[in-house]
Amino acid sequence: MDTAFIAQLAAIVGPDGVVSNKTALSVYDCDGYTLEKSTPDLVVLPRSTGEVVAVVKLLHKEKIAFVPRGAGTGLSGGCLPVEAPVMIGTSRMNKILHIDLVNRYMVAQAGVVNLWVSNAVKSQGFQYAPDPSSQQACTIGGNVAENSGGPHTLKYGVTTNHVLGVELVLPDGEVVQLGGVVDDVLGYDLRGITIGAEGTFGIVTQATLRLTRQPQAYRTFLVVFETVPQATQTVSDVIAAGIIPAALEMMDNLMIQAVEAAFHVGFPTDAGAVLIIELDGLEAGLDPQTKKIMAICERNAAREVRLAQDEAERTALWKSRKRAIGAAGRLAPNYCTQDGVVPRTKVPDILAAIARISEKYQLRIGNVFHAGDGNIHPILLFDERNTEETERVLKAGREILQACVDLGGSLTGEHGIGVEKMGQMSLIFTPEDMLAMTQVRAVFNPENRCNPHKIFPTPHGCIDTRVPRRQASL
């Protein structure tokens, strides 16, 4: 881009708010989905809604497409600049603007890290319930874009259940407020339709977040099983007993090995699977539920049931779970994290399908996932320097998603479609369905200049011509 245009952007955000150096730009060439890369021509880093508006108005005037980016922790290529030369990052918009504990909400800029929200109100006994595994890095804007979940969504719900309102900068620079500070707002739920739109409606610059009381008490278990079927049957039996844990997570042997090597929590590396089960609520009601869960585990031949004895043990268990995907880096040079959903009763079936796909493509696949709500996260291990192996990973990933759909599930639980899964949208949606959705997008983004070529199949893909990469599936 010419120096005059860069100077105009620098006048808005300051010289330190424009990244144009090729080496520095390489940092922004992918998110957590590393199988596809594309480098922007420029990255702009505003500090306020006003600066976002000025940048977007300039881009609109020059008819230049752009892509929003938060912390880059996404796992579907949602922030890749596909035919969008400019990336607008929200990482410097990191202020908590207002806290109202009486009415139980907080207003935070898009670049506020998820965990900062709970930490800001923890001493007053409050929390922000959505807790993605990347919560130490992921930001509120990205959480809104992807409708992020996390281990505790089994009981508490996903991002859309805890965002009361958003401030959205439309692709022409207009600022709109969707939702508010109360639960029910008259008219269409434009707030709800924006959450999970993967940044294709505009740039979320701040959000009004629901705060909830911290539970009075917890019971956190590590349950060890010889086999995966024993663990999955336990999941079904717990829910069938009418117990809704705050979280119900599972790891198979491959992931147990990676986690134990990384964190030394004492996971038995010979176990077929482990469950992390957490109950929370009033202290008086937890002991009866604890006894029921222990009885269910015993019926399913649990080898061991460990109850965290204090907050330090509980924290260690959750640290291991939430950093499990990162620990997979100990198993291979590269890994690809898939994200699909099946009905809870079909978890054994999808794990059997993943095992067959693993054998078919000669790939190691670890499993760590939200067992309580059927949101699976197979971790496909590979070495991207081996192009043939990389191609097998892509094929295996597509077959896993096909298996999810065949079992009555869906393509994504919390990672979004991005560029990764565009080619699989037709497994669920008819052309008429997708046309209707693109017409909704056009209300907000009529010229498709904000995060173009995402979610819906197009003739365009994402490819960095400097490095051999596959084009996004069509």
Protein backbone atom coordinates (compact mmCIF):
# COMPACT_ATOMS: atom_id res chain seq x y z
CA MET A 1 0.00 0.00 0.00
CA ASP A 2 1.26 3.50 -0.76
CA THR A 3 2.91 5.62 1.89
CA ALA A 4 0.21 8.33 1.75
CA PHE A 5 -2.48 5.84 2.75
CA ILE A 6 -0.33 4.43 5.54
CA ALA A 7 0.27 7.98 6.77
CA GLN A 8 -3.48 8.58 6.95
CA LEU A 9 -3.90 5.48 9.10
CA ALA A 10 -0.96 6.49 11.30
CA ALA A 11 -2.57 9.88 11.82
CA ILE A 12 -5.57 8.09 13.31
CA VAL A 13 -3.92 5.44 15.50
CA GLY A 14 -0.40 6.78 15.87
CA PRO A 15 2.75 5.53 14.14
CA ASP A 16 3.04 2.66 16.61
CA GLY A 17 -0.47 1.55 15.69
CA VAL A 18 0.33 0.60 12.10
CA VAL A 19 2.32 -2.54 11.30
CA SER A 20 3.72 -2.65 7.77
CA ASN A 21 7.08 -4.36 8.15
CA LYS A 22 7.01 -7.72 6.36
CA THR A 23 8.74 -9.56 9.17
CA ALA A 24 6.37 -8.14 11.79
CA LEU A 25 3.36 -8.91 9.59
CA SER A 26 4.27 -12.60 9.54
CA VAL A 27 3.08 -12.79 13.17
CA TYR A 28 -0.45 -12.22 11.86
CA ASP A 29 -0.47 -14.81 9.07
CA CYS A 30 -2.65 -17.35 10.90
CA ASP A 31 -4.56 -18.03 14.06
CA GLY A 32 -4.53 -21.31 16.01
CA TYR A 33 -5.53 -23.11 12.81
CA THR A 34 -2.10 -23.23 11.21
CA LEU A 35 -2.92 -25.33 8.16
CA GLU A 36 -3.80 -22.20 6.20
CA LYS A 37 -1.90 -18.94 6.17
CA SER A 38 -2.32 -15.54 4.60
CA THR A 39 -0.40 -12.40 5.47
CA PRO A 40 -2.13 -8.99 5.56
CA ASP A 41 -0.62 -5.99 3.81
CA LEU A 42 -1.17 -3.85 6.90
CA VAL A 43 -2.23 -4.30 10.51
CA VAL A 44 -3.90 -1.39 12.28
CA LEU A 45 -4.14 -1.35 16.08
CA PRO A 46 -6.67 1.19 17.38
CA ARG A 47 -7.15 1.98 21.06
CA SER A 48 -10.76 3.16 21.11
CA THR A 49 -14.09 2.90 19.35
CA GLY A 50 -13.48 6.37 17.89
CA GLU A 51 -10.24 5.20 16.28
CA VAL A 52 -11.94 2.08 14.91
CA VAL A 53 -14.66 4.25 13.39
CA ALA A 54 -12.13 6.58 11.74
CA VAL A 55 -10.12 3.65 10.33
CA VAL A 56 -13.20 1.86 9.00
CA LYS A 57 -14.57 5.05 7.42
CA LEU A 58 -11.27 5.55 5.60
CA LEU A 59 -11.27 1.94 4.37
CA HIS A 60 -14.90 2.30 3.28
CA LYS A 61 -14.07 5.46 1.35
CA GLU A 62 -11.18 3.70 -0.41
CA LYS A 63 -13.26 0.51 -0.92
CA ILE A 64 -10.69 -1.63 0.89
CA ALA A 65 -11.75 -4.85 2.60
CA PHE A 66 -10.60 -5.63 6.13
CA VAL A 67 -10.63 -8.38 8.72
CA PRO A 68 -11.01 -8.01 12.52
CA ARG A 69 -8.61 -9.89 14.80
CA GLY A 70 -8.53 -10.37 18.53
CA ALA A 71 -5.83 -12.44 20.24
CA GLY A 72 -5.45 -14.89 17.35
CA THR A 73 -6.39 -17.90 19.48
CA GLY A 74 -9.20 -18.98 17.15
CA LEU A 75 -9.04 -22.46 15.67
CA SER A 76 -10.83 -22.20 12.32
CA GLY A 77 -8.99 -19.47 10.44
CA GLY A 78 -11.71 -16.96 11.19
CA CYS A 79 -9.36 -13.96 11.25
CA LEU A 80 -7.31 -14.78 8.16
CA PRO A 81 -7.19 -11.93 5.64
CA VAL A 82 -8.74 -13.54 2.57
CA GLU A 83 -8.81 -10.81 -0.11
CA ALA A 84 -8.81 -8.33 2.78
CA PRO A 85 -5.54 -6.36 2.71
CA VAL A 86 -6.02 -4.64 6.08
CA MET A 87 -6.31 -6.34 9.47
CA ILE A 88 -7.79 -4.37 12.37
CA GLY A 89 -6.54 -5.76 15.66
CA THR A 90 -8.31 -5.02 18.93
CA SER A 91 -5.51 -6.05 21.29
CA ARG A 92 -4.87 -2.48 22.48
CA MET A 93 -8.55 -1.97 23.32
CA ASN A 94 -8.04 -3.64 26.67
CA LYS A 95 -9.86 -1.52 29.24
CA ILE A 96 -12.66 -2.51 31.58
CA LEU A 97 -14.91 0.53 31.27
CA HIS A 98 -17.56 0.00 33.93
CA ILE A 99 -18.50 -2.47 36.67
CA ASP A 100 -21.98 -2.52 38.23
CA LEU A 101 -22.19 -5.25 40.85
CA VAL A 102 -25.66 -4.20 42.00
CA ASN A 103 -27.05 -4.92 38.54
CA ARG A 104 -24.44 -7.59 37.88
CA TYR A 105 -22.82 -6.46 34.66
CA MET A 106 -19.55 -5.15 33.30
CA VAL A 107 -18.70 -3.15 30.18
CA ALA A 108 -15.39 -4.24 28.65
CA GLN A 109 -13.55 -3.33 25.47
CA ALA A 110 -13.07 -6.03 22.86
CA GLY A 111 -9.41 -6.61 23.69
CA VAL A 112 -9.98 -7.43 27.37
CA VAL A 113 -8.72 -10.94 28.10
CA ASN A 114 -11.46 -13.34 29.17
CA LEU A 115 -9.85 -14.23 32.48
CA TRP A 116 -9.37 -10.55 33.41
CA VAL A 117 -13.14 -10.18 33.68
CA SER A 118 -13.51 -12.75 36.45
CA ASN A 119 -10.31 -11.58 38.14
CA ALA A 120 -11.64 -8.01 38.27
CA VAL A 121 -14.66 -9.05 40.36
CA LYS A 122 -13.38 -12.18 42.07
CA SER A 123 -12.73 -10.50 45.42
CA GLN A 124 -16.38 -9.36 45.50
CA GLY A 125 -17.62 -12.92 44.94
CA PHE A 126 -18.55 -12.62 41.26
CA GLN A 127 -17.40 -14.25 38.03
CA TYR A 128 -17.87 -14.28 34.25
CA ALA A 129 -19.02 -17.82 33.52
CA PRO A 130 -17.78 -18.60 29.95
CA ASP A 131 -14.30 -20.08 30.35
CA PRO A 132 -12.66 -21.17 27.07
CA SER A 133 -9.53 -23.25 27.54
CA SER A 134 -7.59 -20.31 26.07
CA GLN A 135 -9.09 -17.90 28.61
CA GLN A 136 -5.67 -16.68 29.73
CA ALA A 137 -5.16 -15.22 26.26
CA CYS A 138 -8.42 -15.06 24.29
CA THR A 139 -10.31 -11.78 24.30
CA ILE A 140 -13.93 -10.72 24.63
CA GLY A 141 -14.25 -9.58 21.02
CA GLY A 142 -13.11 -12.95 19.73
CA ASN A 143 -15.35 -14.76 22.23
CA VAL A 144 -18.33 -12.80 20.88
CA ALA A 145 -17.33 -13.52 17.28
CA GLU A 146 -17.14 -17.28 17.83
CA ASN A 147 -19.76 -17.66 20.59
CA SER A 148 -17.04 -19.35 22.62
CA GLY A 149 -17.76 -22.07 25.14
CA GLY A 150 -15.52 -23.88 27.60
CA PRO A 151 -15.67 -26.66 30.19
CA HIS A 152 -18.29 -25.01 32.38
CA THR A 153 -20.81 -24.35 29.61
CA LEU A 154 -22.52 -27.65 30.40
CA LYS A 155 -24.24 -25.91 33.31
CA TYR A 156 -23.79 -22.22 32.57
CA GLY A 157 -24.12 -21.90 28.80
CA VAL A 158 -21.93 -20.28 26.14
CA THR A 159 -21.02 -16.66 25.40
CA THR A 160 -24.44 -15.69 24.05
CA ASN A 161 -25.99 -16.57 27.41
CA HIS A 162 -23.74 -14.06 29.18
CA VAL A 163 -23.48 -11.08 26.82
CA LEU A 164 -26.25 -8.54 27.37
CA GLY A 165 -25.21 -6.11 24.65
CA VAL A 166 -22.51 -5.23 22.13
CA GLU A 167 -21.23 -2.09 20.51
CA LEU A 168 -20.68 -2.82 16.82
CA VAL A 169 -18.89 -0.73 14.21
CA LEU A 170 -20.48 -1.52 10.86
CA PRO A 171 -18.37 -1.77 7.67
CA ASP A 172 -19.19 1.83 6.72
CA GLY A 173 -18.14 3.19 10.12
CA GLU A 174 -21.58 3.58 11.69
CA VAL A 175 -21.74 2.61 15.36
CA VAL A 176 -24.75 0.65 16.59
CA GLN A 177 -25.70 -0.60 20.05
CA LEU A 178 -27.30 -4.05 20.08
CA GLY A 179 -28.92 -5.25 23.28
CA GLY A 180 -28.39 -3.36 26.52
CA VAL A 181 -27.92 -3.90 30.24
CA VAL A 182 -31.12 -5.88 30.86
CA ASP A 183 -32.08 -9.40 29.86
CA ASP A 184 -35.00 -8.62 27.57
CA VAL A 185 -34.86 -5.91 24.91
CA LEU A 186 -37.83 -5.20 22.66
CA GLY A 187 -37.63 -6.11 18.99
CA TYR A 188 -35.53 -8.59 17.08
CA ASP A 189 -32.56 -10.11 18.90
CA LEU A 190 -29.84 -8.45 16.83
CA ARG A 191 -27.45 -8.94 19.72
CA GLY A 192 -27.98 -12.70 19.54
CA ILE A 193 -27.53 -12.93 15.79
CA THR A 194 -24.28 -10.95 15.99
CA ILE A 195 -22.77 -13.29 18.58
CA GLY A 196 -21.28 -16.16 16.60
CA ALA A 197 -21.31 -14.29 13.27
CA GLU A 198 -17.50 -14.67 13.20
CA GLY A 199 -16.82 -10.99 12.59
CA THR A 200 -18.75 -10.86 9.31
CA PHE A 201 -21.20 -8.18 10.50
CA GLY A 202 -18.66 -5.62 11.69
CA ILE A 203 -16.18 -5.07 14.51
CA VAL A 204 -17.35 -5.54 18.08
CA THR A 205 -15.58 -2.81 20.05
CA GLN A 206 -17.07 -3.43 23.47
CA ALA A 207 -19.53 -5.73 25.20
CA THR A 208 -21.80 -5.62 28.23
CA LEU A 209 -21.17 -8.84 30.13
CA ARG A 210 -23.40 -10.60 32.64
CA LEU A 211 -21.72 -11.26 35.99
CA THR A 212 -22.85 -14.16 38.16
CA ARG A 213 -22.21 -15.09 41.75
CA GLN A 214 -19.35 -17.48 42.40
CA PRO A 215 -20.59 -20.84 43.67
CA GLN A 216 -20.45 -21.28 47.41
CA ALA A 217 -18.60 -24.60 47.15
CA TYR A 218 -17.08 -27.10 44.70
CA ARG A 219 -16.47 -30.82 44.45
CA THR A 220 -13.93 -31.68 41.76
CA PHE A 221 -13.14 -35.28 40.84
CA LEU A 222 -10.53 -37.02 38.74
CA VAL A 223 -11.95 -40.40 37.74
CA VAL A 224 -9.65 -43.00 36.19
CA PHE A 225 -10.85 -45.76 33.84
CA GLU A 226 -9.21 -48.67 32.08
CA THR A 227 -11.22 -48.08 28.89
CA VAL A 228 -12.90 -45.27 26.97
CA PRO A 229 -16.31 -47.04 26.90
CA GLN A 230 -16.34 -47.16 30.71
CA ALA A 231 -15.76 -43.40 30.81
CA THR A 232 -18.38 -42.55 28.19
CA GLN A 233 -20.98 -44.75 29.90
CA THR A 234 -20.29 -42.90 33.14
CA VAL A 235 -20.98 -39.59 31.38
CA SER A 236 -24.37 -40.85 30.16
CA ASP A 237 -25.24 -42.32 33.56
CA VAL A 238 -24.44 -39.09 35.43
CA ILE A 239 -26.73 -37.05 33.20
CA ALA A 240 -29.42 -39.76 33.26
CA ALA A 241 -29.38 -39.59 37.06
CA GLY A 242 -30.59 -35.99 36.83
CA ILE A 243 -27.26 -34.50 37.87
CA ILE A 244 -25.98 -31.56 35.81
CA PRO A 245 -22.35 -31.04 36.77
CA ALA A 246 -20.74 -27.66 36.25
CA ALA A 247 -18.26 -29.48 34.02
CA LEU A 248 -17.76 -33.00 32.70
CA GLU A 249 -14.54 -33.38 30.71
CA MET A 250 -12.74 -36.37 29.23
CA MET A 251 -9.21 -37.19 28.05
CA ASP A 252 -8.01 -40.39 26.40
CA ASN A 253 -4.67 -42.12 26.94
CA LEU A 254 -2.71 -40.14 24.38
CA MET A 255 -3.75 -36.83 25.90
CA ILE A 256 -3.20 -38.16 29.45
CA GLN A 257 0.40 -38.87 28.52
CA ALA A 258 0.90 -35.39 27.09
CA VAL A 259 -0.69 -33.66 30.08
CA GLU A 260 1.21 -35.65 32.65
CA ALA A 261 4.52 -35.03 30.87
CA ALA A 262 3.76 -31.30 30.88
CA PHE A 263 2.28 -30.73 34.34
CA HIS A 264 3.10 -33.75 36.56
CA VAL A 265 -0.29 -33.73 38.30
CA GLY A 266 -0.24 -37.47 38.86
CA PHE A 267 -2.40 -38.66 35.99
CA PRO A 268 -1.89 -42.43 35.49
CA THR A 269 -0.29 -42.71 32.06
CA ASP A 270 -1.51 -46.29 31.61
CA ALA A 271 -5.20 -45.34 31.98
CA GLY A 272 -7.50 -45.66 29.00
CA ALA A 273 -9.36 -42.46 29.89
CA VAL A 274 -9.98 -40.01 32.70
CA LEU A 275 -12.93 -37.80 33.52
CA ILE A 276 -12.75 -34.47 35.31
CA ILE A 277 -16.12 -33.91 36.94
CA GLU A 278 -16.97 -30.75 38.84
CA LEU A 279 -20.04 -30.04 40.93
CA ASP A 280 -20.74 -26.58 42.29
CA GLY A 281 -23.46 -24.78 44.21
CA LEU A 282 -24.61 -24.58 47.78
CA GLU A 283 -22.43 -26.53 50.17
CA ALA A 284 -25.45 -28.28 51.70
CA GLY A 285 -26.45 -29.90 48.42
CA LEU A 286 -23.12 -31.18 47.16
CA ASP A 287 -22.48 -34.19 49.38
CA PRO A 288 -25.58 -36.15 48.23
CA GLN A 289 -24.64 -35.52 44.58
CA THR A 290 -21.05 -36.52 45.31
CA LYS A 291 -22.21 -39.87 46.71
CA LYS A 292 -24.37 -40.49 43.64
CA ILE A 293 -21.50 -39.76 41.26
CA MET A 294 -19.12 -41.98 43.19
CA ALA A 295 -21.66 -44.81 43.04
CA ILE A 296 -22.06 -44.33 39.27
CA CYS A 297 -18.29 -44.40 38.80
CA GLU A 298 -18.05 -47.58 40.85
CA ARG A 299 -20.77 -49.27 38.77
CA ASN A 300 -18.78 -48.47 35.65
CA ALA A 301 -15.60 -50.05 37.05
CA ALA A 302 -13.70 -46.85 37.71
CA ARG A 303 -10.19 -47.76 38.73
CA GLU A 304 -9.83 -44.74 40.98
CA VAL A 305 -11.84 -41.69 42.05
CA ARG A 306 -9.84 -38.78 43.44
CA LEU A 307 -11.62 -35.87 45.07
CA ALA A 308 -9.63 -32.62 45.12
CA GLN A 309 -8.97 -31.87 48.78
CA ASP A 310 -8.39 -28.14 48.47
CA GLU A 311 -8.35 -25.24 46.02
CA ALA A 312 -4.73 -25.95 45.06
CA GLU A 313 -5.60 -29.48 43.89
CA ARG A 314 -8.67 -28.22 42.05
CA THR A 315 -6.62 -25.53 40.32
CA ALA A 316 -4.00 -28.08 39.28
CA LEU A 317 -6.64 -30.30 37.69
CA TRP A 318 -8.14 -27.42 35.71
CA LYS A 319 -4.73 -26.14 34.68
CA SER A 320 -4.04 -29.58 33.23
CA ARG A 321 -7.34 -29.69 31.37
CA LYS A 322 -7.29 -26.17 30.02
CA ARG A 323 -3.73 -26.47 28.79
CA ALA A 324 -4.11 -30.00 27.48
CA ILE A 325 -4.26 -28.98 23.82
CA GLY A 326 -1.03 -27.02 24.17
CA ALA A 327 0.56 -30.03 25.84
CA ALA A 328 -0.06 -31.98 22.61
CA GLY A 329 2.93 -30.09 21.24
CA ARG A 330 5.04 -32.60 23.16
CA LEU A 331 3.69 -35.40 20.99
CA ALA A 332 4.39 -34.08 17.49
CA PRO A 333 5.82 -31.03 15.69
CA ASN A 334 2.31 -29.94 14.69
CA TYR A 335 -1.28 -30.66 15.61
CA CYS A 336 -4.69 -29.68 14.30
CA THR A 337 -7.56 -29.29 16.77
CA GLN A 338 -10.90 -30.34 15.36
CA ASP A 339 -14.24 -29.25 16.75
CA GLY A 340 -17.51 -31.08 16.22
CA VAL A 341 -20.65 -31.95 18.15
CA VAL A 342 -22.66 -35.13 18.55
CA PRO A 343 -25.59 -35.99 20.80
CA ARG A 344 -24.25 -36.97 24.21
CA THR A 345 -25.41 -40.56 23.79
CA LYS A 346 -23.40 -40.80 20.56
CA VAL A 347 -20.03 -39.99 22.14
CA PRO A 348 -18.96 -43.69 22.10
CA ASP A 349 -19.90 -43.87 18.41
CA ILE A 350 -17.91 -40.79 17.39
CA LEU A 351 -14.88 -41.99 19.35
CA ALA A 352 -15.10 -45.34 17.55
CA ALA A 353 -15.32 -43.46 14.24
CA ILE A 354 -12.29 -41.36 15.14
CA ALA A 355 -10.35 -44.54 15.95
CA ARG A 356 -11.23 -45.97 12.53
CA ILE A 357 -10.22 -42.74 10.80
CA SER A 358 -6.97 -42.69 12.76
CA GLU A 359 -6.15 -46.19 11.52
CA LYS A 360 -7.28 -45.45 7.96
CA TYR A 361 -5.01 -42.43 7.60
CA GLN A 362 -2.20 -43.72 9.82
CA LEU A 363 -2.39 -40.71 12.11
CA ARG A 364 -2.22 -40.44 15.87
CA ILE A 365 -5.33 -38.69 17.19
CA GLY A 366 -5.77 -37.72 20.83
CA ASN A 367 -9.12 -36.83 22.32
CA VAL A 368 -9.86 -34.17 24.92
CA PHE A 369 -13.35 -32.79 24.99
CA HIS A 370 -16.48 -31.55 26.73
CA ALA A 371 -18.04 -34.97 27.22
CA GLY A 372 -21.08 -33.64 29.04
CA ASP A 373 -22.43 -31.82 25.99
CA GLY A 374 -20.93 -33.93 23.21
CA ASN A 375 -18.52 -31.25 21.98
CA ILE A 376 -15.49 -33.21 20.76
CA HIS A 377 -11.96 -31.95 20.15
CA PRO A 378 -9.87 -34.58 18.37
CA ILE A 379 -6.20 -33.55 18.20
CA LEU A 380 -4.63 -34.73 14.92
CA LEU A 381 -0.86 -35.05 15.27
CA PHE A 382 1.43 -34.54 12.28
CA ASP A 383 4.52 -32.87 10.85
CA GLU A 384 3.67 -30.09 8.40
CA ARG A 385 7.04 -30.53 6.69
CA ASN A 386 5.61 -33.79 5.37
CA THR A 387 3.12 -32.56 2.73
CA GLU A 388 1.64 -36.01 2.20
CA GLU A 389 0.97 -36.40 5.93
CA THR A 390 -0.54 -32.91 6.06
CA GLU A 391 -2.94 -33.88 3.27
CA ARG A 392 -3.96 -36.96 5.26
CA VAL A 393 -4.75 -34.70 8.23
CA LEU A 394 -7.06 -32.59 6.09
CA LYS A 395 -8.87 -35.64 4.75
CA ALA A 396 -9.17 -37.17 8.20
CA GLY A 397 -10.58 -33.92 9.59
CA ARG A 398 -13.25 -33.82 6.92
CA GLU A 399 -14.23 -37.42 7.63
CA ILE A 400 -14.52 -36.72 11.35
CA LEU A 401 -16.93 -33.88 10.63
CA GLN A 402 -18.90 -36.08 8.24
CA ALA A 403 -19.17 -38.67 11.01
CA CYS A 404 -20.47 -36.02 13.42
CA VAL A 405 -23.18 -35.03 10.97
CA ASP A 406 -24.08 -38.67 10.26
CA LEU A 407 -24.59 -39.19 14.00
CA GLY A 408 -27.01 -36.28 14.19
CA GLY A 409 -24.48 -33.69 15.26
CA SER A 410 -22.99 -30.50 13.90
CA LEU A 411 -19.81 -29.06 12.38
CA THR A 412 -18.75 -26.91 15.29
CA GLY A 413 -19.47 -26.41 18.94
CA GLU A 414 -17.37 -23.33 19.68
CA HIS A 415 -14.53 -22.86 17.16
CA GLY A 416 -16.65 -21.59 14.29
CA ILE A 417 -16.55 -22.30 10.56
CA GLY A 418 -13.99 -19.71 9.42
CA VAL A 419 -12.12 -20.91 6.35
CA GLU A 420 -11.56 -24.41 7.71
CA LYS A 421 -15.09 -25.79 7.39
CA MET A 422 -16.65 -23.78 4.58
CA GLY A 423 -16.61 -26.83 2.35
CA GLN A 424 -18.62 -28.83 4.86
CA MET A 425 -21.47 -26.34 5.29
CA SER A 426 -23.47 -28.17 2.63
CA LEU A 427 -23.52 -31.25 4.87
CA ILE A 428 -26.06 -29.45 7.04
CA PHE A 429 -27.45 -26.52 5.06
CA THR A 430 -29.20 -26.39 1.70
CA PRO A 431 -28.28 -23.72 -0.87
CA GLU A 432 -31.49 -21.94 0.14
CA ASP A 433 -30.43 -21.99 3.80
CA MET A 434 -27.07 -20.45 2.98
CA LEU A 435 -28.62 -17.85 0.70
CA ALA A 436 -30.90 -16.77 3.53
CA MET A 437 -27.92 -16.45 5.88
CA THR A 438 -25.90 -14.41 3.40
CA GLN A 439 -28.91 -12.13 2.97
CA VAL A 440 -28.91 -11.55 6.73
CA ARG A 441 -25.19 -10.78 6.57
CA ALA A 442 -25.85 -8.27 3.77
CA VAL A 443 -28.08 -6.22 6.08
CA PHE A 444 -25.01 -5.47 8.21
CA ASN A 445 -22.27 -5.89 5.60
CA PRO A 446 -23.85 -5.18 2.18
CA GLU A 447 -20.60 -4.97 0.20
CA ASN A 448 -18.99 -7.92 2.05
CA ARG A 449 -15.88 -5.91 2.86
CA CYS A 450 -15.74 -6.98 6.51
CA ASN A 451 -14.11 -10.39 6.87
CA PRO A 452 -15.03 -11.61 3.38
CA HIS A 453 -14.90 -15.23 2.19
CA LYS A 454 -15.66 -16.81 5.54
CA ILE A 455 -18.29 -19.34 6.67
CA PHE A 456 -20.00 -19.79 3.30
CA PRO A 457 -18.36 -21.57 0.32
CA THR A 458 -17.02 -19.17 -2.31
CA PRO A 459 -14.67 -19.49 -5.30
CA HIS A 460 -12.00 -17.92 -3.10
CA GLY A 461 -9.76 -19.63 -0.63
CA CYS A 462 -6.94 -18.67 1.65
CA ILE A 463 -3.44 -19.33 0.53
CA ASP A 464 -0.08 -17.76 1.21
CA THR A 465 1.81 -17.95 -2.06
CA ARG A 466 5.15 -17.82 -0.27
CA VAL A 467 4.61 -21.22 1.29
CA PRO A 468 3.01 -24.33 -0.21
CA ARG A 469 -0.46 -24.41 1.33
CA ARG A 470 -3.73 -25.92 0.33
CA GLN A 471 -6.58 -23.68 -0.71
CA ALA A 472 -9.64 -23.72 1.51
CA SER A 473 -12.01 -26.52 0.57
CA LEU A 474 -14.94 -25.47 -1.60
